[in-house]
PDB file of N, CA and C in Angstrom:
ATOM      1  N   MET A   1      79.031 168.695 120.249  1.00  0.00           N
ATOM      2  CA  MET A   1      79.613 168.583 118.937  1.00  0.00           C
ATOM      3  C   MET A   1      78.757 169.432 117.982  1.00  0.00           C
ATOM      4  N   THR A   2      79.425 170.253 117.245  1.00  0.00           N
ATOM      5  CA  THR A   2      78.702 171.104 116.303  1.00  0.00           C
ATOM      6  C   THR A   2      78.360 170.362 115.033  1.00  0.00           C
ATOM      7  N   ASN A   3      77.472 170.954 114.284  1.00  0.00           N
ATOM      8  CA  ASN A   3      77.059 170.369 113.008  1.00  0.00           C
ATOM      9  C   ASN A   3      78.271 170.230 112.074  1.00  0.00           C
ATOM     10  N   LEU A   4      79.142 171.222 112.078  1.00  0.00           N
ATOM     11  CA  LEU A   4      80.324 171.159 111.234  1.00  0.00           C
ATOM     12  C   LEU A   4      81.253 170.002 111.624  1.00  0.00           C
ATOM     13  N   GLU A   5      81.417 169.774 112.926  1.00  0.00           N
ATOM     14  CA  GLU A   5      82.248 168.647 113.384  1.00  0.00           C
ATOM     15  C   GLU A   5      81.652 167.323 112.949  1.00  0.00           C
ATOM     16  N   ARG A   6      80.358 167.182 113.044  1.00  0.00           N
ATOM     17  CA  ARG A   6      79.696 165.936 112.638  1.00  0.00           C
ATOM     18  C   ARG A   6      79.897 165.730 111.119  1.00  0.00           C
ATOM     19  N   ARG A   7      79.749 166.777 110.370  1.00  0.00           N
ATOM     20  CA  ARG A   7      79.934 166.678 108.917  1.00  0.00           C
ATOM     21  C   ARG A   7      81.366 166.317 108.569  1.00  0.00           C
ATOM     22  N   LEU A   8      82.349 166.888 109.297  1.00  0.00           N
ATOM     23  CA  LEU A   8      83.758 166.550 109.050  1.00  0.00           C
ATOM     24  C   LEU A   8      84.052 165.102 109.379  1.00  0.00           C
ATOM     25  N   ARG A   9      83.524 164.597 110.461  1.00  0.00           N
ATOM     26  CA  ARG A   9      83.734 163.191 110.834  1.00  0.00           C
ATOM     27  C   ARG A   9      83.138 162.252 109.788  1.00  0.00           C
ATOM     28  N   LYS A  10      81.967 162.608 109.288  1.00  0.00           N
ATOM     29  CA  LYS A  10      81.340 161.789 108.246  1.00  0.00           C
ATOM     30  C   LYS A  10      82.190 161.797 106.967  1.00  0.00           C
ATOM     31  N   LEU A  11      82.709 162.953 106.613  1.00  0.00           N
ATOM     32  CA  LEU A  11      83.564 163.059 105.442  1.00  0.00           C
ATOM     33  C   LEU A  11      84.865 162.283 105.639  1.00  0.00           C
ATOM     34  N   GLU A  12      85.481 162.369 106.805  1.00  0.00           N
ATOM     35  CA  GLU A  12      86.721 161.642 107.075  1.00  0.00           C
ATOM     36  C   GLU A  12      86.502 160.145 107.009  1.00  0.00           C
ATOM     37  N   ALA A  13      85.338 159.671 107.433  1.00  0.00           N
ATOM     38  CA  ALA A  13      85.034 158.240 107.361  1.00  0.00           C
ATOM     39  C   ALA A  13      84.982 157.738 105.917  1.00  0.00           C
ATOM     40  N   CYS A  14      84.629 158.617 105.014  1.00  0.00           N
ATOM     41  CA  CYS A  14      84.588 158.235 103.588  1.00  0.00           C
ATOM     42  C   CYS A  14      85.968 158.219 102.961  1.00  0.00           C
ATOM     43  N   LEU A  15      86.933 158.855 103.586  1.00  0.00           N
ATOM     44  CA  LEU A  15      88.258 159.016 103.003  1.00  0.00           C
ATOM     45  C   LEU A  15      89.223 157.887 103.357  1.00  0.00           C
ATOM     46  N   ILE A  16      88.848 156.985 104.244  1.00  0.00           N
ATOM     47  CA  ILE A  16      89.803 155.918 104.620  1.00  0.00           C
ATOM     48  C   ILE A  16      89.572 154.707 103.736  1.00  0.00           C
ATOM     49  N   ASP A  17      90.611 153.877 103.655  1.00  0.00           N
ATOM     50  CA  ASP A  17      90.503 152.643 102.849  1.00  0.00           C
ATOM     51  C   ASP A  17      90.407 151.443 103.816  1.00  0.00           C
ATOM     52  N   PRO A  18      90.451 150.218 103.315  1.00  0.00           N
ATOM     53  CA  PRO A  18      90.296 149.047 104.194  1.00  0.00           C
ATOM     54  C   PRO A  18      91.325 148.960 105.334  1.00  0.00           C
ATOM     55  N   SER A  19      92.442 149.636 105.195  1.00  0.00           N
ATOM     56  CA  SER A  19      93.440 149.625 106.266  1.00  0.00           C
ATOM     57  C   SER A  19      93.038 150.508 107.419  1.00  0.00           C
ATOM     58  N   GLY A  20      92.072 151.383 107.208  1.00  0.00           N
ATOM     59  CA  GLY A  20      91.650 152.321 108.236  1.00  0.00           C
ATOM     60  C   GLY A  20      92.477 153.575 108.240  1.00  0.00           C
ATOM     61  N   LEU A  21      93.355 153.718 107.253  1.00  0.00           N
ATOM     62  CA  LEU A  21      94.241 154.863 107.177  1.00  0.00           C
ATOM     63  C   LEU A  21      93.875 155.755 106.004  1.00  0.00           C
ATOM     64  N   VAL A  22      94.281 156.990 106.071  1.00  0.00           N
ATOM     65  CA  VAL A  22      93.998 157.942 105.001  1.00  0.00           C
ATOM     66  C   VAL A  22      94.920 157.633 103.822  1.00  0.00           C
ATOM     67  N   PRO A  23      94.382 157.417 102.619  1.00  0.00           N
ATOM     68  CA  PRO A  23      95.217 157.093 101.481  1.00  0.00           C
ATOM     69  C   PRO A  23      96.287 158.132 101.231  1.00  0.00           C
ATOM     70  N   TYR A  24      97.446 157.648 100.842  1.00  0.00           N
ATOM     71  CA  TYR A  24      98.647 158.424 100.472  1.00  0.00           C
ATOM     72  C   TYR A  24      99.305 159.121 101.648  1.00  0.00           C
ATOM     73  N   SER A  25      98.895 158.820 102.879  1.00  0.00           N
ATOM     74  CA  SER A  25      99.594 159.355 104.038  1.00  0.00           C
ATOM     75  C   SER A  25     100.830 158.471 104.267  1.00  0.00           C
ATOM     76  N   PRO A  26     101.821 158.947 104.996  1.00  0.00           N
ATOM     77  CA  PRO A  26     103.011 158.136 105.252  1.00  0.00           C
ATOM     78  C   PRO A  26     102.683 156.798 105.935  1.00  0.00           C
ATOM     79  N   GLY A  27     101.792 156.827 106.909  1.00  0.00           N
ATOM     80  CA  GLY A  27     101.394 155.589 107.592  1.00  0.00           C
ATOM     81  C   GLY A  27     100.710 154.615 106.663  1.00  0.00           C
ATOM     82  N   TRP A  28      99.897 155.135 105.775  1.00  0.00           N
ATOM     83  CA  TRP A  28      99.188 154.295 104.789  1.00  0.00           C
ATOM     84  C   TRP A  28     100.207 153.608 103.881  1.00  0.00           C
ATOM     85  N   LEU A  29     101.168 154.371 103.392  1.00  0.00           N
ATOM     86  CA  LEU A  29     102.185 153.796 102.491  1.00  0.00           C
ATOM     87  C   LEU A  29     103.001 152.743 103.208  1.00  0.00           C
ATOM     88  N   GLU A  30     103.416 152.991 104.427  1.00  0.00           N
ATOM     89  CA  GLU A  30     104.185 151.998 105.191  1.00  0.00           C
ATOM     90  C   GLU A  30     103.346 150.760 105.461  1.00  0.00           C
ATOM     91  N   HIS A  31     102.073 150.919 105.760  1.00  0.00           N
ATOM     92  CA  HIS A  31     101.199 149.762 106.009  1.00  0.00           C
ATOM     93  C   HIS A  31     101.124 148.869 104.781  1.00  0.00           C
ATOM     94  N   TRP A  32     100.830 149.451 103.615  1.00  0.00           N
ATOM     95  CA  TRP A  32     100.675 148.644 102.419  1.00  0.00           C
ATOM     96  C   TRP A  32     102.018 148.109 101.923  1.00  0.00           C
ATOM     97  N   ASP A  33     103.111 148.831 102.161  1.00  0.00           N
ATOM     98  CA  ASP A  33     104.442 148.316 101.824  1.00  0.00           C
ATOM     99  C   ASP A  33     104.708 147.019 102.629  1.00  0.00           C
ATOM    100  N   ARG A  34     104.393 147.059 103.927  1.00  0.00           N
ATOM    101  CA  ARG A  34     104.573 145.853 104.744  1.00  0.00           C
ATOM    102  C   ARG A  34     103.672 144.737 104.311  1.00  0.00           C
ATOM    103  N   GLN A  35     102.401 145.039 104.031  1.00  0.00           N
ATOM    104  CA  GLN A  35     101.464 143.971 103.600  1.00  0.00           C
ATOM    105  C   GLN A  35     101.896 143.305 102.301  1.00  0.00           C
ATOM    106  N   ILE A  36     102.293 144.118 101.333  1.00  0.00           N
ATOM    107  CA  ILE A  36     102.704 143.570 100.043  1.00  0.00           C
ATOM    108  C   ILE A  36     104.041 142.829 100.194  1.00  0.00           C
ATOM    109  N   TYR A  37     104.942 143.341 101.021  1.00  0.00           N
ATOM    110  CA  TYR A  37     106.200 142.646 101.290  1.00  0.00           C
ATOM    111  C   TYR A  37     105.930 141.283 101.901  1.00  0.00           C
ATOM    112  N   ASN A  38     105.054 141.233 102.924  1.00  0.00           N
ATOM    113  CA  ASN A  38     104.714 139.976 103.563  1.00  0.00           C
ATOM    114  C   ASN A  38     104.141 138.958 102.564  1.00  0.00           C
ATOM    115  N   TYR A  39     103.308 139.458 101.681  1.00  0.00           N
ATOM    116  CA  TYR A  39     102.731 138.596 100.659  1.00  0.00           C
ATOM    117  C   TYR A  39     103.822 138.081  99.704  1.00  0.00           C
ATOM    118  N   ALA A  40     104.713 138.958  99.294  1.00  0.00           N
ATOM    119  CA  ALA A  40     105.734 138.598  98.308  1.00  0.00           C
ATOM    120  C   ALA A  40     106.769 137.643  98.904  1.00  0.00           C
ATOM    121  N   THR A  41     106.979 137.685 100.196  1.00  0.00           N
ATOM    122  CA  THR A  41     107.994 136.831 100.804  1.00  0.00           C
ATOM    123  C   THR A  41     107.443 135.631 101.553  1.00  0.00           C
ATOM    124  N   ASP A  42     106.147 135.428 101.452  1.00  0.00           N
ATOM    125  CA  ASP A  42     105.511 134.279 102.141  1.00  0.00           C
ATOM    126  C   ASP A  42     105.957 132.968 101.492  1.00  0.00           C
ATOM    127  N   PRO A  43     106.663 132.097 102.238  1.00  0.00           N
ATOM    128  CA  PRO A  43     107.156 130.871 101.646  1.00  0.00           C
ATOM    129  C   PRO A  43     106.046 129.900 101.243  1.00  0.00           C
ATOM    130  N   GLU A  44     104.871 130.017 101.835  1.00  0.00           N
ATOM    131  CA  GLU A  44     103.743 129.132 101.511  1.00  0.00           C
ATOM    132  C   GLU A  44     102.872 129.684 100.400  1.00  0.00           C
ATOM    133  N   CYS A  45     103.168 130.880  99.884  1.00  0.00           N
ATOM    134  CA  CYS A  45     102.412 131.522  98.811  1.00  0.00           C
ATOM    135  C   CYS A  45     100.904 131.575  99.091  1.00  0.00           C
ATOM    136  N   ARG A  46     100.555 131.912 100.323  1.00  0.00           N
ATOM    137  CA  ARG A  46      99.132 132.016 100.687  1.00  0.00           C
ATOM    138  C   ARG A  46      98.543 133.309 100.134  1.00  0.00           C
ATOM    139  N   ARG A  47      97.239 133.277  99.940  1.00  0.00           N
ATOM    140  CA  ARG A  47      96.540 134.483  99.489  1.00  0.00           C
ATOM    141  C   ARG A  47      96.537 135.489 100.612  1.00  0.00           C
ATOM    142  N   PRO A  48      96.577 136.776 100.310  1.00  0.00           N
ATOM    143  CA  PRO A  48      96.541 137.790 101.366  1.00  0.00           C
ATOM    144  C   PRO A  48      95.179 137.785 102.071  1.00  0.00           C
ATOM    145  N   ALA A  49      95.186 138.167 103.336  1.00  0.00           N
ATOM    146  CA  ALA A  49      93.935 138.227 104.091  1.00  0.00           C
ATOM    147  C   ALA A  49      93.021 139.333 103.579  1.00  0.00           C
ATOM    148  N   VAL A  50      93.626 140.409 103.080  1.00  0.00           N
ATOM    149  CA  VAL A  50      92.870 141.546 102.562  1.00  0.00           C
ATOM    150  C   VAL A  50      93.341 141.835 101.135  1.00  0.00           C
ATOM    151  N   LEU A  51      92.395 142.095 100.253  1.00  0.00           N
ATOM    152  CA  LEU A  51      92.790 142.444  98.887  1.00  0.00           C
ATOM    153  C   LEU A  51      93.481 143.785  98.894  1.00  0.00           C
ATOM    154  N   PHE A  52      94.524 143.944  98.085  1.00  0.00           N
ATOM    155  CA  PHE A  52      95.276 145.192  98.045  1.00  0.00           C
ATOM    156  C   PHE A  52      94.564 146.168  97.098  1.00  0.00           C
ATOM    157  N   PRO A  53      94.293 147.369  97.570  1.00  0.00           N
ATOM    158  CA  PRO A  53      93.724 148.383  96.662  1.00  0.00           C
ATOM    159  C   PRO A  53      94.726 148.712  95.550  1.00  0.00           C
ATOM    160  N   ILE A  54      94.260 148.886  94.350  1.00  0.00           N
ATOM    161  CA  ILE A  54      95.166 149.153  93.230  1.00  0.00           C
ATOM    162  C   ILE A  54      95.979 150.414  93.467  1.00  0.00           C
ATOM    163  N   GLU A  55      95.387 151.418  94.146  1.00  0.00           N
ATOM    164  CA  GLU A  55      96.129 152.645  94.459  1.00  0.00           C
ATOM    165  C   GLU A  55      97.319 152.321  95.353  1.00  0.00           C
ATOM    166  N   ALA A  56      97.134 151.409  96.280  1.00  0.00           N
ATOM    167  CA  ALA A  56      98.222 151.026  97.190  1.00  0.00           C
ATOM    168  C   ALA A  56      99.324 150.289  96.451  1.00  0.00           C
ATOM    169  N   VAL A  57      98.968 149.391  95.542  1.00  0.00           N
ATOM    170  CA  VAL A  57      99.974 148.653  94.774  1.00  0.00           C
ATOM    171  C   VAL A  57     100.794 149.620  93.925  1.00  0.00           C
ATOM    172  N   ARG A  58     100.122 150.540  93.270  1.00  0.00           N
ATOM    173  CA  ARG A  58     100.836 151.528  92.443  1.00  0.00           C
ATOM    174  C   ARG A  58     101.759 152.397  93.285  1.00  0.00           C
ATOM    175  N   ALA A  59     101.285 152.830  94.436  1.00  0.00           N
ATOM    176  CA  ALA A  59     102.091 153.694  95.303  1.00  0.00           C
ATOM    177  C   ALA A  59     103.298 152.917  95.856  1.00  0.00           C
ATOM    178  N   VAL A  60     103.110 151.662  96.212  1.00  0.00           N
ATOM    179  CA  VAL A  60     104.233 150.879  96.758  1.00  0.00           C
ATOM    180  C   VAL A  60     105.254 150.588  95.653  1.00  0.00           C
ATOM    181  N   ILE A  61     104.811 150.356  94.456  1.00  0.00           N
ATOM    182  CA  ILE A  61     105.763 150.127  93.348  1.00  0.00           C
ATOM    183  C   ILE A  61     106.594 151.388  93.110  1.00  0.00           C
ATOM    184  N   ARG A  62     105.955 152.557  93.128  1.00  0.00           N
ATOM    185  CA  ARG A  62     106.725 153.800  92.982  1.00  0.00           C
ATOM    186  C   ARG A  62     107.658 154.008  94.171  1.00  0.00           C
ATOM    187  N   TYR A  63     107.254 153.592  95.362  1.00  0.00           N
ATOM    188  CA  TYR A  63     108.013 153.750  96.593  1.00  0.00           C
ATOM    189  C   TYR A  63     109.167 152.742  96.689  1.00  0.00           C
ATOM    190  N   ALA A  64     109.163 151.716  95.880  1.00  0.00           N
ATOM    191  CA  ALA A  64     110.159 150.622  95.984  1.00  0.00           C
ATOM    192  C   ALA A  64     111.580 151.125  95.779  1.00  0.00           C
ATOM    193  N   ASP A  65     111.784 152.243  95.079  1.00  0.00           N
ATOM    194  CA  ASP A  65     113.130 152.792  94.896  1.00  0.00           C
ATOM    195  C   ASP A  65     113.669 153.447  96.160  1.00  0.00           C
ATOM    196  N   ASN A  66     112.805 153.742  97.097  1.00  0.00           N
ATOM    197  CA  ASN A  66     113.205 154.368  98.339  1.00  0.00           C
ATOM    198  C   ASN A  66     113.932 153.358  99.220  1.00  0.00           C
ATOM    199  N   PRO A  67     115.079 153.718  99.822  1.00  0.00           N
ATOM    200  CA  PRO A  67     115.808 152.770 100.672  1.00  0.00           C
ATOM    201  C   PRO A  67     114.993 152.264 101.872  1.00  0.00           C
ATOM    202  N   ALA A  68     113.978 152.994 102.293  1.00  0.00           N
ATOM    203  CA  ALA A  68     113.157 152.559 103.424  1.00  0.00           C
ATOM    204  C   ALA A  68     112.090 151.536 103.039  1.00  0.00           C
ATOM    205  N   SER A  69     111.940 151.268 101.762  1.00  0.00           N
ATOM    206  CA  SER A  69     110.910 150.353 101.279  1.00  0.00           C
ATOM    207  C   SER A  69     111.288 148.905 101.577  1.00  0.00           C
ATOM    208  N   LEU A  70     110.344 148.172 102.166  1.00  0.00           N
ATOM    209  CA  LEU A  70     110.564 146.731 102.386  1.00  0.00           C
ATOM    210  C   LEU A  70     110.505 145.975 101.080  1.00  0.00           C
ATOM    211  N   LEU A  71     109.525 146.285 100.250  1.00  0.00           N
ATOM    212  CA  LEU A  71     109.373 145.620  98.966  1.00  0.00           C
ATOM    213  C   LEU A  71     110.609 145.848  98.105  1.00  0.00           C
ATOM    214  N   GLY A  72     111.168 147.045  98.141  1.00  0.00           N
ATOM    215  CA  GLY A  72     112.349 147.349  97.346  1.00  0.00           C
ATOM    216  C   GLY A  72     113.604 146.654  97.883  1.00  0.00           C
ATOM    217  N   SER A  73     113.541 146.135  99.104  1.00  0.00           N
ATOM    218  CA  SER A  73     114.705 145.441  99.677  1.00  0.00           C
ATOM    219  C   SER A  73     114.813 143.987  99.233  1.00  0.00           C
ATOM    220  N   ILE A  74     113.785 143.470  98.561  1.00  0.00           N
ATOM    221  CA  ILE A  74     113.835 142.094  98.086  1.00  0.00           C
ATOM    222  C   ILE A  74     114.784 142.018  96.901  1.00  0.00           C
ATOM    223  N   PRO A  75     115.815 141.171  96.977  1.00  0.00           N
ATOM    224  CA  PRO A  75     116.753 141.114  95.852  1.00  0.00           C
ATOM    225  C   PRO A  75     116.109 140.485  94.611  1.00  0.00           C
ATOM    226  N   GLU A  76     116.495 140.994  93.459  1.00  0.00           N
ATOM    227  CA  GLU A  76     115.967 140.427  92.205  1.00  0.00           C
ATOM    228  C   GLU A  76     116.695 139.116  91.949  1.00  0.00           C
ATOM    229  N   GLU A  77     115.962 138.181  91.377  1.00  0.00           N
ATOM    230  CA  GLU A  77     116.559 136.875  91.106  1.00  0.00           C
ATOM    231  C   GLU A  77     116.929 136.732  89.669  1.00  0.00           C
TER     232      GLU A  77
END
């Protein structure tokens, strides 16, 4: 492994959030959409196991208009 590869791996490790995914990637958005959806639809209103990063909450709210969004599929009451 070259010095450059080691430096890149160290940098990549700093770029992930608690989900282990790179912020704002499609997988990251889908992960947090599912987590927030599960929290919003939990009949027992339990606290989430992991705190939601504010960036994830903002991104999921913007994503809620997308037909693929789980959070956006919850009907308004």
